[in-house]
Amino acid sequence: MPVEKVSLSLDAGLVARARRVAGHRGLSALVNEALRIKLQHERLRAVLAEMDAEFGPVPAEELDRARGAWPVRNAAKRKPRRSA
C-alpha cells in the first residue's frame, strides 16, 4: 500500500496519550487505523441517511425492540442514540 508523509498540528496532550496507546506500533499506525475507522463510520452514516430518506426513519418501537435484544455490558455507560 502506498503511503504519503503528511504534517499535522495536533493537541499535544492527545498526541502524548496516543503515543502511549500506540506503543511499538507507532503513532503513524494508530493514526492510520483511526482515520480508516472514522472514514468507515462516515460512509455508514451516509448510507443510513440515504436509507432514512428512501424508507423513512426506523420506528421507535423497532429501535426499542432491537435495543432490548442487544446485550449491554455496562448499562451506566450506555448513551441514548438518535436516529440518523
Protein backbone atom coordinates (compact mmCIF):
# COMPACT_ATOMS: atom_id res chain seq x y z
CA MET A 1 0.00 0.00 0.00
CA PRO A 2 1.49 3.36 -0.94
CA VAL A 3 1.93 5.81 1.90
CA GLU A 4 2.09 9.58 1.97
CA LYS A 5 4.01 11.55 4.55
CA VAL A 6 1.95 14.42 5.98
CA SER A 7 2.44 17.10 8.59
CA LEU A 8 -0.34 17.65 11.12
CA SER A 9 -0.91 20.02 14.01
CA LEU A 10 -2.50 18.12 16.89
CA ASP A 11 -3.29 18.73 20.56
CA ALA A 12 -0.07 17.92 22.48
CA GLY A 13 -1.89 16.07 25.26
CA LEU A 14 -3.79 13.98 22.76
CA VAL A 15 -0.57 13.08 20.95
CA ALA A 16 1.10 12.05 24.21
CA ARG A 17 -1.79 9.74 25.10
CA ALA A 18 -1.88 8.38 21.55
CA ARG A 19 1.85 7.57 21.67
CA ARG A 20 1.31 5.61 24.89
CA VAL A 21 -1.58 3.68 23.35
CA ALA A 22 0.29 3.06 20.09
CA GLY A 23 3.32 1.57 21.83
CA HIS A 24 5.64 -0.32 19.50
CA ARG A 25 3.19 0.00 16.56
CA GLY A 26 3.97 3.69 16.37
CA LEU A 27 1.86 6.80 16.11
CA SER A 28 1.53 6.57 12.32
CA ALA A 29 -0.12 3.14 12.54
CA LEU A 30 -2.52 4.33 15.24
CA VAL A 31 -3.50 7.47 13.31
CA ASN A 32 -3.87 5.46 10.07
CA GLU A 33 -6.20 3.00 11.82
CA ALA A 34 -8.19 5.82 13.45
CA LEU A 35 -8.64 7.56 10.08
CA ARG A 36 -9.74 4.33 8.43
CA ILE A 37 -12.35 3.72 11.15
CA LYS A 38 -13.56 7.35 11.02
CA LEU A 39 -14.00 7.15 7.24
CA GLN A 40 -15.89 3.84 7.58
CA HIS A 41 -18.21 5.49 10.11
CA GLU A 42 -18.79 8.42 7.77
CA ARG A 43 -19.63 6.06 4.88
CA LEU A 44 -22.04 4.13 7.12
CA ARG A 45 -23.63 7.38 8.30
CA ALA A 46 -24.19 8.40 4.66
CA VAL A 47 -25.75 5.02 3.79
CA LEU A 48 -28.06 5.23 6.80
CA ALA A 49 -29.08 8.77 5.83
CA GLU A 50 -29.88 7.54 2.30
CA MET A 51 -31.96 4.70 3.75
CA ASP A 52 -33.80 7.13 6.04
CA ALA A 53 -34.53 9.36 3.04
CA GLU A 54 -35.78 6.45 0.94
CA PHE A 55 -37.66 4.39 3.54
CA GLY A 56 -38.16 6.81 6.43
CA PRO A 57 -36.60 6.54 9.88
CA VAL A 58 -36.73 3.30 11.83
CA PRO A 59 -39.87 3.33 14.01
CA ALA A 60 -39.21 3.95 17.70
CA GLU A 61 -40.85 0.61 18.60
CA GLU A 62 -38.36 -1.25 16.39
CA LEU A 63 -35.42 0.63 17.88
CA ASP A 64 -36.64 -0.23 21.39
CA ARG A 65 -37.07 -3.89 20.42
CA ALA A 66 -33.57 -4.04 18.92
CA ARG A 67 -32.03 -2.32 21.95
CA GLY A 68 -33.80 -4.78 24.24
CA ALA A 69 -32.36 -7.72 22.33
CA TRP A 70 -28.79 -6.35 22.27
CA PRO A 71 -26.56 -7.36 25.20
CA VAL A 72 -25.40 -4.44 27.31
CA ARG A 73 -22.10 -4.81 29.15
CA ASN A 74 -22.38 -1.65 31.19
CA ALA A 75 -25.79 -0.02 31.21
CA ALA A 76 -24.47 3.02 33.11
CA LYS A 77 -22.21 3.94 30.17
CA ARG A 78 -24.95 3.47 27.57
CA LYS A 79 -25.96 6.70 25.85
CA PRO A 80 -29.27 7.12 24.05
CA ARG A 81 -28.84 7.03 20.27
CA ARG A 82 -30.53 9.42 17.93
CA SER A 83 -31.75 8.43 14.51
CA ALA A 84 -29.62 9.40 11.52
